PDB file of N, CA and C in Angstrom:
ATOM      1  N   UNK A   1      -6.339 -12.625  98.087  1.00  0.00           N
ATOM      2  CA  UNK A   1      -7.289 -13.080  97.098  1.00  0.00           C
ATOM      3  C   UNK A   1      -7.293 -12.151  95.875  1.00  0.00           C
ATOM      4  N   UNK A   2      -7.202 -10.848  96.142  1.00  0.00           N
ATOM      5  CA  UNK A   2      -7.164  -9.878  95.045  1.00  0.00           C
ATOM      6  C   UNK A   2      -5.897 -10.084  94.218  1.00  0.00           C
ATOM      7  N   UNK A   3      -4.787 -10.291  94.886  1.00  0.00           N
ATOM      8  CA  UNK A   3      -3.503 -10.506  94.215  1.00  0.00           C
ATOM      9  C   UNK A   3      -3.548 -11.740  93.318  1.00  0.00           C
ATOM     10  N   UNK A   4      -4.065 -12.838  93.845  1.00  0.00           N
ATOM     11  CA  UNK A   4      -4.120 -14.086  93.066  1.00  0.00           C
ATOM     12  C   UNK A   4      -5.077 -13.960  91.880  1.00  0.00           C
ATOM     13  N   UNK A   5      -6.263 -13.438  92.131  1.00  0.00           N
ATOM     14  CA  UNK A   5      -7.235 -13.260  91.050  1.00  0.00           C
ATOM     15  C   UNK A   5      -6.733 -12.274  90.006  1.00  0.00           C
ATOM     16  N   UNK A   6      -6.122 -11.181  90.472  1.00  0.00           N
ATOM     17  CA  UNK A   6      -5.587 -10.178  89.546  1.00  0.00           C
ATOM     18  C   UNK A   6      -4.478 -10.733  88.672  1.00  0.00           C
ATOM     19  N   UNK A   7      -3.622 -11.558  89.252  1.00  0.00           N
ATOM     20  CA  UNK A   7      -2.551 -12.177  88.465  1.00  0.00           C
ATOM     21  C   UNK A   7      -3.097 -13.105  87.397  1.00  0.00           C
ATOM     22  N   UNK A   8      -4.085 -13.888  87.775  1.00  0.00           N
ATOM     23  CA  UNK A   8      -4.718 -14.801  86.809  1.00  0.00           C
ATOM     24  C   UNK A   8      -5.423 -14.020  85.706  1.00  0.00           C
ATOM     25  N   UNK A   9      -6.197 -13.011  86.095  1.00  0.00           N
ATOM     26  CA  UNK A   9      -6.912 -12.201  85.106  1.00  0.00           C
ATOM     27  C   UNK A   9      -5.982 -11.455  84.172  1.00  0.00           C
ATOM     28  N   UNK A  10      -4.919 -10.866  84.727  1.00  0.00           N
ATOM     29  CA  UNK A  10      -3.961 -10.117  83.903  1.00  0.00           C
ATOM     30  C   UNK A  10      -3.242 -11.021  82.913  1.00  0.00           C
ATOM     31  N   UNK A  11      -2.877 -12.214  83.360  1.00  0.00           N
ATOM     32  CA  UNK A  11      -2.197 -13.158  82.473  1.00  0.00           C
ATOM     33  C   UNK A  11      -3.111 -13.582  81.333  1.00  0.00           C
ATOM     34  N   UNK A  12      -4.354 -13.890  81.664  1.00  0.00           N
ATOM     35  CA  UNK A  12      -5.307 -14.287  80.621  1.00  0.00           C
ATOM     36  C   UNK A  12      -5.562 -13.143  79.650  1.00  0.00           C
ATOM     37  N   UNK A  13      -5.701 -11.913  80.175  1.00  0.00           N
ATOM     38  CA  UNK A  13      -5.894 -10.739  79.298  1.00  0.00           C
ATOM     39  C   UNK A  13      -4.707 -10.584  78.349  1.00  0.00           C
ATOM     40  N   UNK A  14      -3.504 -10.706  78.871  1.00  0.00           N
ATOM     41  CA  UNK A  14      -2.305 -10.577  78.049  1.00  0.00           C
ATOM     42  C   UNK A  14      -2.313 -11.589  76.913  1.00  0.00           C
ATOM     43  N   UNK A  15      -2.627 -12.838  77.225  1.00  0.00           N
ATOM     44  CA  UNK A  15      -2.625 -13.883  76.200  1.00  0.00           C
ATOM     45  C   UNK A  15      -3.692 -13.644  75.138  1.00  0.00           C
ATOM     46  N   UNK A  16      -4.898 -13.315  75.567  1.00  0.00           N
ATOM     47  CA  UNK A  16      -5.985 -13.076  74.613  1.00  0.00           C
ATOM     48  C   UNK A  16      -5.684 -11.861  73.745  1.00  0.00           C
ATOM     49  N   UNK A  17      -5.256 -10.776  74.367  1.00  0.00           N
ATOM     50  CA  UNK A  17      -4.956  -9.559  73.603  1.00  0.00           C
ATOM     51  C   UNK A  17      -3.795  -9.777  72.643  1.00  0.00           C
ATOM     52  N   UNK A  18      -2.821 -10.523  73.067  1.00  0.00           N
ATOM     53  CA  UNK A  18      -1.661 -10.794  72.204  1.00  0.00           C
ATOM     54  C   UNK A  18      -2.076 -11.544  70.945  1.00  0.00           C
ATOM     55  N   UNK A  19      -2.990 -12.474  71.102  1.00  0.00           N
ATOM     56  CA  UNK A  19      -3.464 -13.251  69.957  1.00  0.00           C
ATOM     57  C   UNK A  19      -4.389 -12.415  69.079  1.00  0.00           C
ATOM     58  N   UNK A  20      -5.392 -11.789  69.666  1.00  0.00           N
ATOM     59  CA  UNK A  20      -6.418 -11.099  68.876  1.00  0.00           C
ATOM     60  C   UNK A  20      -5.970  -9.737  68.342  1.00  0.00           C
ATOM     61  N   UNK A  21      -5.089  -9.046  69.036  1.00  0.00           N
ATOM     62  CA  UNK A  21      -4.662  -7.731  68.560  1.00  0.00           C
ATOM     63  C   UNK A  21      -3.640  -7.822  67.429  1.00  0.00           C
ATOM     64  N   UNK A  22      -3.185  -9.022  67.103  1.00  0.00           N
ATOM     65  CA  UNK A  22      -2.267  -9.203  65.977  1.00  0.00           C
ATOM     66  C   UNK A  22      -2.988  -9.148  64.640  1.00  0.00           C
ATOM     67  N   UNK A  23      -4.295  -9.300  64.690  1.00  0.00           N
ATOM     68  CA  UNK A  23      -5.047  -9.332  63.439  1.00  0.00           C
ATOM     69  C   UNK A  23      -4.959  -7.990  62.731  1.00  0.00           C
ATOM     70  N   UNK A  24      -5.316  -7.980  61.505  1.00  0.00           N
ATOM     71  CA  UNK A  24      -5.250  -6.777  60.680  1.00  0.00           C
ATOM     72  C   UNK A  24      -6.541  -5.962  60.746  1.00  0.00           C
ATOM     73  N   UNK A  25      -7.337  -6.202  61.763  1.00  0.00           N
ATOM     74  CA  UNK A  25      -8.581  -5.457  61.911  1.00  0.00           C
ATOM     75  C   UNK A  25      -8.279  -4.008  62.272  1.00  0.00           C
ATOM     76  N   UNK A  26      -9.215  -3.143  62.008  1.00  0.00           N
ATOM     77  CA  UNK A  26      -9.021  -1.721  62.232  1.00  0.00           C
ATOM     78  C   UNK A  26      -9.167  -1.332  63.695  1.00  0.00           C
ATOM     79  N   UNK A  27      -9.743  -2.190  64.512  1.00  0.00           N
ATOM     80  CA  UNK A  27      -9.909  -1.912  65.938  1.00  0.00           C
ATOM     81  C   UNK A  27      -9.137  -2.938  66.764  1.00  0.00           C
ATOM     82  N   UNK A  28      -8.700  -2.563  67.964  1.00  0.00           N
ATOM     83  CA  UNK A  28      -8.011  -3.528  68.850  1.00  0.00           C
ATOM     84  C   UNK A  28      -9.019  -4.509  69.454  1.00  0.00           C
ATOM     85  N   UNK A  29      -9.335  -5.541  68.700  1.00  0.00           N
ATOM     86  CA  UNK A  29     -10.391  -6.478  69.058  1.00  0.00           C
ATOM     87  C   UNK A  29     -10.072  -7.251  70.334  1.00  0.00           C
ATOM     88  N   UNK A  30      -8.802  -7.483  70.623  1.00  0.00           N
ATOM     89  CA  UNK A  30      -8.429  -8.203  71.844  1.00  0.00           C
ATOM     90  C   UNK A  30      -8.829  -7.450  73.093  1.00  0.00           C
ATOM     91  N   UNK A  31      -8.522  -6.165  73.126  1.00  0.00           N
ATOM     92  CA  UNK A  31      -8.888  -5.345  74.276  1.00  0.00           C
ATOM     93  C   UNK A  31     -10.403  -5.255  74.395  1.00  0.00           C
ATOM     94  N   UNK A  32     -11.069  -5.067  73.275  1.00  0.00           N
ATOM     95  CA  UNK A  32     -12.529  -5.009  73.268  1.00  0.00           C
ATOM     96  C   UNK A  32     -13.114  -6.310  73.814  1.00  0.00           C
ATOM     97  N   UNK A  33     -12.590  -7.443  73.356  1.00  0.00           N
ATOM     98  CA  UNK A  33     -13.107  -8.753  73.766  1.00  0.00           C
ATOM     99  C   UNK A  33     -12.936  -8.980  75.260  1.00  0.00           C
ATOM    100  N   UNK A  34     -11.769  -8.670  75.810  1.00  0.00           N
ATOM    101  CA  UNK A  34     -11.578  -8.910  77.239  1.00  0.00           C
ATOM    102  C   UNK A  34     -12.424  -7.951  78.083  1.00  0.00           C
ATOM    103  N   UNK A  35     -12.565  -6.718  77.643  1.00  0.00           N
ATOM    104  CA  UNK A  35     -13.364  -5.771  78.424  1.00  0.00           C
ATOM    105  C   UNK A  35     -14.848  -6.155  78.436  1.00  0.00           C
ATOM    106  N   UNK A  36     -15.365  -6.592  77.309  1.00  0.00           N
ATOM    107  CA  UNK A  36     -16.778  -6.967  77.251  1.00  0.00           C
ATOM    108  C   UNK A  36     -17.005  -8.299  77.968  1.00  0.00           C
ATOM    109  N   UNK A  37     -16.125  -9.254  77.757  1.00  0.00           N
ATOM    110  CA  UNK A  37     -16.239 -10.541  78.449  1.00  0.00           C
ATOM    111  C   UNK A  37     -16.113 -10.348  79.960  1.00  0.00           C
ATOM    112  N   UNK A  38     -15.166  -9.523  80.378  1.00  0.00           N
ATOM    113  CA  UNK A  38     -15.008  -9.234  81.809  1.00  0.00           C
ATOM    114  C   UNK A  38     -16.235  -8.577  82.399  1.00  0.00           C
ATOM    115  N   UNK A  39     -16.870  -7.702  81.641  1.00  0.00           N
ATOM    116  CA  UNK A  39     -18.100  -7.054  82.110  1.00  0.00           C
ATOM    117  C   UNK A  39     -19.219  -8.077  82.277  1.00  0.00           C
ATOM    118  N   UNK A  40     -19.329  -9.000  81.343  1.00  0.00           N
ATOM    119  CA  UNK A  40     -20.329 -10.063  81.435  1.00  0.00           C
ATOM    120  C   UNK A  40     -20.064 -10.947  82.658  1.00  0.00           C
ATOM    121  N   UNK A  41     -18.820 -11.350  82.836  1.00  0.00           N
ATOM    122  CA  UNK A  41     -18.452 -12.192  83.982  1.00  0.00           C
ATOM    123  C   UNK A  41     -18.748 -11.464  85.298  1.00  0.00           C
ATOM    124  N   UNK A  42     -18.405 -10.184  85.358  1.00  0.00           N
ATOM    125  CA  UNK A  42     -18.667  -9.408  86.575  1.00  0.00           C
ATOM    126  C   UNK A  42     -20.166  -9.342  86.869  1.00  0.00           C
ATOM    127  N   UNK A  43     -20.967  -9.122  85.838  1.00  0.00           N
ATOM    128  CA  UNK A  43     -22.420  -9.116  86.021  1.00  0.00           C
ATOM    129  C   UNK A  43     -22.934 -10.443  86.557  1.00  0.00           C
ATOM    130  N   UNK A  44     -22.413 -11.541  86.024  1.00  0.00           N
ATOM    131  CA  UNK A  44     -22.809 -12.871  86.501  1.00  0.00           C
ATOM    132  C   UNK A  44     -22.405 -13.080  87.961  1.00  0.00           C
ATOM    133  N   UNK A  45     -21.165 -12.761  88.270  1.00  0.00           N
ATOM    134  CA  UNK A  45     -20.658 -12.951  89.635  1.00  0.00           C
ATOM    135  C   UNK A  45     -21.466 -12.139  90.637  1.00  0.00           C
ATOM    136  N   UNK A  46     -21.651 -10.863  90.347  1.00  0.00           N
ATOM    137  CA  UNK A  46     -22.386 -10.005  91.280  1.00  0.00           C
ATOM    138  C   UNK A  46     -23.853 -10.388  91.352  1.00  0.00           C
ATOM    139  N   UNK A  47     -24.436 -10.775  90.217  1.00  0.00           N
ATOM    140  CA  UNK A  47     -25.826 -11.207  90.217  1.00  0.00           C
ATOM    141  C   UNK A  47     -26.031 -12.464  91.057  1.00  0.00           C
ATOM    142  N   UNK A  48     -25.142 -13.427  90.912  1.00  0.00           N
ATOM    143  CA  UNK A  48     -25.229 -14.661  91.698  1.00  0.00           C
ATOM    144  C   UNK A  48     -25.056 -14.350  93.178  1.00  0.00           C
ATOM    145  N   UNK A  49     -24.120 -13.500  93.486  1.00  0.00           N
ATOM    146  CA  UNK A  49     -23.872 -13.129  94.877  1.00  0.00           C
ATOM    147  C   UNK A  49     -25.079 -12.417  95.494  1.00  0.00           C
ATOM    148  N   UNK A  50     -25.651 -11.493  94.742  1.00  0.00           N
ATOM    149  CA  UNK A  50     -26.822 -10.764  95.245  1.00  0.00           C
ATOM    150  C   UNK A  50     -28.030 -11.678  95.405  1.00  0.00           C
ATOM    151  N   UNK A  51     -28.178 -12.611  94.463  1.00  0.00           N
ATOM    152  CA  UNK A  51     -29.350 -13.492  94.459  1.00  0.00           C
ATOM    153  C   UNK A  51     -29.305 -14.495  95.608  1.00  0.00           C
ATOM    154  N   UNK A  52     -28.167 -15.138  95.753  1.00  0.00           N
ATOM    155  CA  UNK A  52     -28.121 -16.268  96.675  1.00  0.00           C
ATOM    156  C   UNK A  52     -27.251 -16.032  97.903  1.00  0.00           C
ATOM    157  N   UNK A  53     -26.363 -15.072  97.824  1.00  0.00           N
ATOM    158  CA  UNK A  53     -25.429 -14.861  98.931  1.00  0.00           C
ATOM    159  C   UNK A  53     -24.481 -16.028  99.094  1.00  0.00           C
ATOM    160  N   UNK A  54     -24.376 -16.874  98.061  1.00  0.00           N
ATOM    161  CA  UNK A  54     -23.585 -18.100  98.150  1.00  0.00           C
ATOM    162  C   UNK A  54     -22.080 -17.856  98.041  1.00  0.00           C
ATOM    163  N   UNK A  55     -21.684 -16.682  97.578  1.00  0.00           N
ATOM    164  CA  UNK A  55     -20.254 -16.425  97.403  1.00  0.00           C
ATOM    165  C   UNK A  55     -19.704 -15.711  98.637  1.00  0.00           C
ATOM    166  N   UNK A  56     -18.649 -16.281  99.188  1.00  0.00           N
ATOM    167  CA  UNK A  56     -18.024 -15.681 100.365  1.00  0.00           C
ATOM    168  C   UNK A  56     -17.325 -14.382  99.978  1.00  0.00           C
ATOM    169  N   UNK A  57     -16.977 -13.600 100.971  1.00  0.00           N
ATOM    170  CA  UNK A  57     -16.258 -12.355 100.730  1.00  0.00           C
ATOM    171  C   UNK A  57     -14.928 -12.624 100.026  1.00  0.00           C
ATOM    172  N   UNK A  58     -14.221 -13.676 100.434  1.00  0.00           N
ATOM    173  CA  UNK A  58     -12.949 -14.018  99.783  1.00  0.00           C
ATOM    174  C   UNK A  58     -13.147 -14.422  98.327  1.00  0.00           C
ATOM    175  N   UNK A  59     -14.217 -15.131  98.043  1.00  0.00           N
ATOM    176  CA  UNK A  59     -14.511 -15.532  96.664  1.00  0.00           C
ATOM    177  C   UNK A  59     -14.821 -14.306  95.816  1.00  0.00           C
ATOM    178  N   UNK A  60     -15.598 -13.386  96.371  1.00  0.00           N
ATOM    179  CA  UNK A  60     -15.896 -12.142  95.645  1.00  0.00           C
ATOM    180  C   UNK A  60     -14.626 -11.329  95.405  1.00  0.00           C
ATOM    181  N   UNK A  61     -13.763 -11.256  96.403  1.00  0.00           N
ATOM    182  CA  UNK A  61     -12.498 -10.534  96.221  1.00  0.00           C
ATOM    183  C   UNK A  61     -11.663 -11.181  95.128  1.00  0.00           C
ATOM    184  N   UNK A  62     -11.607 -12.504  95.122  1.00  0.00           N
ATOM    185  CA  UNK A  62     -10.829 -13.223  94.111  1.00  0.00           C
ATOM    186  C   UNK A  62     -11.416 -13.029  92.712  1.00  0.00           C
ATOM    187  N   UNK A  63     -12.729 -13.259  92.580  1.00  0.00           N
ATOM    188  CA  UNK A  63     -13.354 -13.240  91.257  1.00  0.00           C
ATOM    189  C   UNK A  63     -13.654 -11.835  90.737  1.00  0.00           C
ATOM    190  N   UNK A  64     -14.357 -11.038  91.528  1.00  0.00           N
ATOM    191  CA  UNK A  64     -14.812  -9.728  91.053  1.00  0.00           C
ATOM    192  C   UNK A  64     -13.688  -8.698  91.066  1.00  0.00           C
ATOM    193  N   UNK A  65     -13.117  -8.468  92.233  1.00  0.00           N
ATOM    194  CA  UNK A  65     -12.078  -7.445  92.341  1.00  0.00           C
ATOM    195  C   UNK A  65     -10.780  -7.900  91.683  1.00  0.00           C
ATOM    196  N   UNK A  66     -10.352  -9.115  92.004  1.00  0.00           N
ATOM    197  CA  UNK A  66      -9.080  -9.620  91.483  1.00  0.00           C
ATOM    198  C   UNK A  66      -9.132 -10.002  90.017  1.00  0.00           C
ATOM    199  N   UNK A  67      -9.857 -11.096  89.720  1.00  0.00           N
ATOM    200  CA  UNK A  67      -9.868 -11.608  88.348  1.00  0.00           C
ATOM    201  C   UNK A  67     -10.416 -10.588  87.357  1.00  0.00           C
ATOM    202  N   UNK A  68     -11.631 -10.101  87.601  1.00  0.00           N
ATOM    203  CA  UNK A  68     -12.244  -9.163  86.642  1.00  0.00           C
ATOM    204  C   UNK A  68     -11.455  -7.858  86.569  1.00  0.00           C
ATOM    205  N   UNK A  69     -10.942  -7.408  87.712  1.00  0.00           N
ATOM    206  CA  UNK A  69     -10.127  -6.193  87.713  1.00  0.00           C
ATOM    207  C   UNK A  69      -8.837  -6.354  86.924  1.00  0.00           C
ATOM    208  N   UNK A  70      -8.217  -7.524  87.041  1.00  0.00           N
ATOM    209  CA  UNK A  70      -6.993  -7.782  86.286  1.00  0.00           C
ATOM    210  C   UNK A  70      -7.257  -8.117  84.826  1.00  0.00           C
ATOM    211  N   UNK A  71      -8.383  -8.753  84.572  1.00  0.00           N
ATOM    212  CA  UNK A  71      -8.719  -9.190  83.217  1.00  0.00           C
ATOM    213  C   UNK A  71      -9.095  -8.015  82.323  1.00  0.00           C
ATOM    214  N   UNK A  72      -9.884  -7.101  82.842  1.00  0.00           N
ATOM    215  CA  UNK A  72     -10.301  -5.947  82.040  1.00  0.00           C
ATOM    216  C   UNK A  72      -9.256  -4.844  82.152  1.00  0.00           C
ATOM    217  N   UNK A  73      -9.288  -3.905  81.216  1.00  0.00           N
ATOM    218  CA  UNK A  73      -8.251  -2.878  81.220  1.00  0.00           C
ATOM    219  C   UNK A  73      -8.761  -1.557  80.665  1.00  0.00           C
ATOM    220  N   UNK A  74      -8.929  -0.612  81.548  1.00  0.00           N
ATOM    221  CA  UNK A  74      -9.326   0.721  81.102  1.00  0.00           C
ATOM    222  C   UNK A  74      -8.122   1.498  80.574  1.00  0.00           C
ATOM    223  N   UNK A  75      -6.960   1.289  81.162  1.00  0.00           N
ATOM    224  CA  UNK A  75      -5.780   2.047  80.740  1.00  0.00           C
ATOM    225  C   UNK A  75      -5.382   1.724  79.305  1.00  0.00           C
ATOM    226  N   UNK A  76      -5.430   0.466  78.915  1.00  0.00           N
ATOM    227  CA  UNK A  76      -5.106   0.101  77.534  1.00  0.00           C
ATOM    228  C   UNK A  76      -6.156   0.660  76.589  1.00  0.00           C
ATOM    229  N   UNK A  77      -7.413   0.583  76.982  1.00  0.00           N
ATOM    230  CA  UNK A  77      -8.505   1.156  76.199  1.00  0.00           C
ATOM    231  C   UNK A  77      -8.263   2.651  75.968  1.00  0.00           C
ATOM    232  N   UNK A  78      -7.898   3.371  77.022  1.00  0.00           N
ATOM    233  CA  UNK A  78      -7.639   4.815  76.906  1.00  0.00           C
ATOM    234  C   UNK A  78      -6.437   5.085  75.998  1.00  0.00           C
ATOM    235  N   UNK A  79      -5.391   4.294  76.141  1.00  0.00           N
ATOM    236  CA  UNK A  79      -4.206   4.482  75.299  1.00  0.00           C
ATOM    237  C   UNK A  79      -4.530   4.232  73.833  1.00  0.00           C
ATOM    238  N   UNK A  80      -5.265   3.171  73.556  1.00  0.00           N
ATOM    239  CA  UNK A  80      -5.604   2.856  72.169  1.00  0.00           C
ATOM    240  C   UNK A  80      -6.458   3.964  71.556  1.00  0.00           C
ATOM    241  N   UNK A  81      -7.332   4.545  72.329  1.00  0.00           N
ATOM    242  CA  UNK A  81      -8.128   5.661  71.827  1.00  0.00           C
ATOM    243  C   UNK A  81      -7.270   6.889  71.565  1.00  0.00           C
ATOM    244  N   UNK A  82      -6.288   7.111  72.402  1.00  0.00           N
ATOM    245  CA  UNK A  82      -5.353   8.210  72.199  1.00  0.00           C
ATOM    246  C   UNK A  82      -4.596   8.039  70.888  1.00  0.00           C
ATOM    247  N   UNK A  83      -4.252   6.809  70.542  1.00  0.00           N
ATOM    248  CA  UNK A  83      -3.576   6.525  69.274  1.00  0.00           C
ATOM    249  C   UNK A  83      -4.489   6.891  68.097  1.00  0.00           C
ATOM    250  N   UNK A  84      -5.765   6.530  68.196  1.00  0.00           N
ATOM    251  CA  UNK A  84      -6.718   6.897  67.149  1.00  0.00           C
ATOM    252  C   UNK A  84      -6.803   8.413  67.001  1.00  0.00           C
ATOM    253  N   UNK A  85      -6.900   9.116  68.112  1.00  0.00           N
ATOM    254  CA  UNK A  85      -7.014  10.579  68.058  1.00  0.00           C
ATOM    255  C   UNK A  85      -5.761  11.221  67.481  1.00  0.00           C
ATOM    256  N   UNK A  86      -4.598  10.746  67.902  1.00  0.00           N
ATOM    257  CA  UNK A  86      -3.347  11.318  67.403  1.00  0.00           C
ATOM    258  C   UNK A  86      -3.206  11.106  65.898  1.00  0.00           C
ATOM    259  N   UNK A  87      -3.730   9.987  65.398  1.00  0.00           N
ATOM    260  CA  UNK A  87      -3.672   9.698  63.964  1.00  0.00           C
ATOM    261  C   UNK A  87      -4.782  10.400  63.192  1.00  0.00           C
ATOM    262  N   UNK A  88      -5.662  11.083  63.892  1.00  0.00           N
ATOM    263  CA  UNK A  88      -6.775  11.748  63.225  1.00  0.00           C
ATOM    264  C   UNK A  88      -7.855  10.779  62.770  1.00  0.00           C
ATOM    265  N   UNK A  89      -7.871   9.586  63.331  1.00  0.00           N
ATOM    266  CA  UNK A  89      -8.826   8.553  62.955  1.00  0.00           C
ATOM    267  C   UNK A  89     -10.055   8.657  63.863  1.00  0.00           C
ATOM    268  N   UNK A  90     -10.871   9.663  63.613  1.00  0.00           N
ATOM    269  CA  UNK A  90     -12.018   9.954  64.472  1.00  0.00           C
ATOM    270  C   UNK A  90     -13.135   8.932  64.327  1.00  0.00           C
ATOM    271  N   UNK A  91     -13.232   8.314  63.181  1.00  0.00           N
ATOM    272  CA  UNK A  91     -14.266   7.297  62.975  1.00  0.00           C
ATOM    273  C   UNK A  91     -14.010   6.087  63.862  1.00  0.00           C
ATOM    274  N   UNK A  92     -12.793   5.552  63.818  1.00  0.00           N
ATOM    275  CA  UNK A  92     -12.489   4.390  64.652  1.00  0.00           C
ATOM    276  C   UNK A  92     -12.467   4.760  66.132  1.00  0.00           C
ATOM    277  N   UNK A  93     -12.060   5.975  66.440  1.00  0.00           N
ATOM    278  CA  UNK A  93     -12.126   6.445  67.820  1.00  0.00           C
ATOM    279  C   UNK A  93     -13.571   6.378  68.322  1.00  0.00           C
ATOM    280  N   UNK A  94     -14.492   6.907  67.550  1.00  0.00           N
ATOM    281  CA  UNK A  94     -15.902   6.924  67.951  1.00  0.00           C
ATOM    282  C   UNK A  94     -16.473   5.515  68.019  1.00  0.00           C
ATOM    283  N   UNK A  95     -16.175   4.680  67.017  1.00  0.00           N
ATOM    284  CA  UNK A  95     -16.670   3.307  67.014  1.00  0.00           C
ATOM    285  C   UNK A  95     -16.175   2.535  68.231  1.00  0.00           C
ATOM    286  N   UNK A  96     -14.897   2.642  68.497  1.00  0.00           N
ATOM    287  CA  UNK A  96     -14.281   1.901  69.602  1.00  0.00           C
ATOM    288  C   UNK A  96     -14.777   2.421  70.953  1.00  0.00           C
ATOM    289  N   UNK A  97     -14.814   3.725  71.116  1.00  0.00           N
ATOM    290  CA  UNK A  97     -15.223   4.300  72.394  1.00  0.00           C
ATOM    291  C   UNK A  97     -16.679   3.994  72.697  1.00  0.00           C
ATOM    292  N   UNK A  98     -17.563   4.371  71.792  1.00  0.00           N
ATOM    293  CA  UNK A  98     -18.985   4.188  72.057  1.00  0.00           C
ATOM    294  C   UNK A  98     -19.393   2.719  71.995  1.00  0.00           C
ATOM    295  N   UNK A  99     -18.764   1.970  71.103  1.00  0.00           N
ATOM    296  CA  UNK A  99     -19.035   0.534  71.047  1.00  0.00           C
ATOM    297  C   UNK A  99     -18.636  -0.164  72.337  1.00  0.00           C
ATOM    298  N   UNK A 100     -17.491   0.198  72.888  1.00  0.00           N
ATOM    299  CA  UNK A 100     -17.032  -0.400  74.143  1.00  0.00           C
ATOM    300  C   UNK A 100     -17.943  -0.029  75.304  1.00  0.00           C
ATOM    301  N   UNK A 101     -18.325   1.229  75.377  1.00  0.00           N
ATOM    302  CA  UNK A 101     -19.195   1.663  76.473  1.00  0.00           C
ATOM    303  C   UNK A 101     -20.568   0.991  76.402  1.00  0.00           C
ATOM    304  N   UNK A 102     -21.167   1.007  75.234  1.00  0.00           N
ATOM    305  CA  UNK A 102     -22.498   0.408  75.083  1.00  0.00           C
ATOM    306  C   UNK A 102     -22.450  -1.095  75.308  1.00  0.00           C
ATOM    307  N   UNK A 103     -21.496  -1.763  74.685  1.00  0.00           N
ATOM    308  CA  UNK A 103     -21.390  -3.223  74.834  1.00  0.00           C
ATOM    309  C   UNK A 103     -21.010  -3.599  76.269  1.00  0.00           C
ATOM    310  N   UNK A 104     -20.153  -2.814  76.916  1.00  0.00           N
ATOM    311  CA  UNK A 104     -19.758  -3.101  78.297  1.00  0.00           C
ATOM    312  C   UNK A 104     -20.928  -3.014  79.257  1.00  0.00           C
ATOM    313  N   UNK A 105     -21.699  -1.927  79.153  1.00  0.00           N
ATOM    314  CA  UNK A 105     -22.882  -1.792  80.008  1.00  0.00           C
ATOM    315  C   UNK A 105     -23.880  -2.904  79.710  1.00  0.00           C
ATOM    316  N   UNK A 106     -24.089  -3.188  78.443  1.00  0.00           N
ATOM    317  CA  UNK A 106     -25.027  -4.249  78.063  1.00  0.00           C
ATOM    318  C   UNK A 106     -24.569  -5.594  78.620  1.00  0.00           C
ATOM    319  N   UNK A 107     -23.274  -5.868  78.577  1.00  0.00           N
ATOM    320  CA  UNK A 107     -22.751  -7.140  79.073  1.00  0.00           C
ATOM    321  C   UNK A 107     -22.991  -7.291  80.574  1.00  0.00           C
ATOM    322  N   UNK A 108     -22.805  -6.223  81.339  1.00  0.00           N
ATOM    323  CA  UNK A 108     -23.083  -6.290  82.779  1.00  0.00           C
ATOM    324  C   UNK A 108     -24.559  -6.592  83.012  1.00  0.00           C
ATOM    325  N   UNK A 109     -25.435  -5.881  82.304  1.00  0.00           N
ATOM    326  CA  UNK A 109     -26.867  -6.104  82.469  1.00  0.00           C
ATOM    327  C   UNK A 109     -27.267  -7.516  82.038  1.00  0.00           C
ATOM    328  N   UNK A 110     -26.679  -8.012  80.973  1.00  0.00           N
ATOM    329  CA  UNK A 110     -26.955  -9.382  80.522  1.00  0.00           C
ATOM    330  C   UNK A 110     -26.484 -10.383  81.576  1.00  0.00           C
ATOM    331  N   UNK A 111     -25.296 -10.150  82.128  1.00  0.00           N
ATOM    332  CA  UNK A 111     -24.792 -11.028  83.187  1.00  0.00           C
ATOM    333  C   UNK A 111     -25.703 -11.035  84.398  1.00  0.00           C
ATOM    334  N   UNK A 112     -26.175  -9.860  84.806  1.00  0.00           N
ATOM    335  CA  UNK A 112     -27.118  -9.786  85.929  1.00  0.00           C
ATOM    336  C   UNK A 112     -28.408 -10.532  85.609  1.00  0.00           C
ATOM    337  N   UNK A 113     -28.901 -10.367  84.390  1.00  0.00           N
ATOM    338  CA  UNK A 113     -30.128 -11.042  83.957  1.00  0.00           C
ATOM    339  C   UNK A 113     -29.927 -12.558  83.946  1.00  0.00           C
ATOM    340  N   UNK A 114     -28.804 -13.018  83.368  1.00  0.00           N
ATOM    341  CA  UNK A 114     -28.546 -14.448  83.283  1.00  0.00           C
ATOM    342  C   UNK A 114     -28.380 -15.075  84.669  1.00  0.00           C
ATOM    343  N   UNK A 115     -27.842 -14.305  85.610  1.00  0.00           N
ATOM    344  CA  UNK A 115     -27.652 -14.856  86.963  1.00  0.00           C
ATOM    345  C   UNK A 115     -28.993 -15.174  87.628  1.00  0.00           C
ATOM    346  N   UNK A 116     -30.046 -14.540  87.209  1.00  0.00           N
ATOM    347  CA  UNK A 116     -31.375 -14.829  87.766  1.00  0.00           C
ATOM    348  C   UNK A 116     -31.888 -16.189  87.317  1.00  0.00           C
ATOM    349  N   UNK A 117     -31.354 -16.682  86.203  1.00  0.00           N
ATOM    350  CA  UNK A 117     -31.797 -17.958  85.653  1.00  0.00           C
ATOM    351  C   UNK A 117     -31.032 -19.143  86.251  1.00  0.00           C
ATOM    352  N   UNK A 118     -29.955 -18.840  86.942  1.00  0.00           N
ATOM    353  CA  UNK A 118     -29.115 -19.922  87.486  1.00  0.00           C
ATOM    354  C   UNK A 118     -29.649 -20.380  88.831  1.00  0.00           C
TER     355      UNK A 118
END
């Protein structure tokens, strides 16, 4: 289940990042988008599971561990930040790092909150 979900998540991340990271924006918006969206999805999945217990262990492995694990990417995030630091671009480094952390945590909490409404 982890393998299947991870393959699906990784493929979707690749496609989204390939499209969005081509833009001329100063930040890697594709990586940011998948990490924040993945955090929101994970919050929803875990919130629904905690609330109702309706998701089987295999479903959780597929969706949370597999899909969300494959969809989001800490290694690419770390590499992109290293590029900012090597270029001496401390402003974008700070914006990307702190923006990703704050938005990621917020997305998980929003997902947990929204799962209570379902």
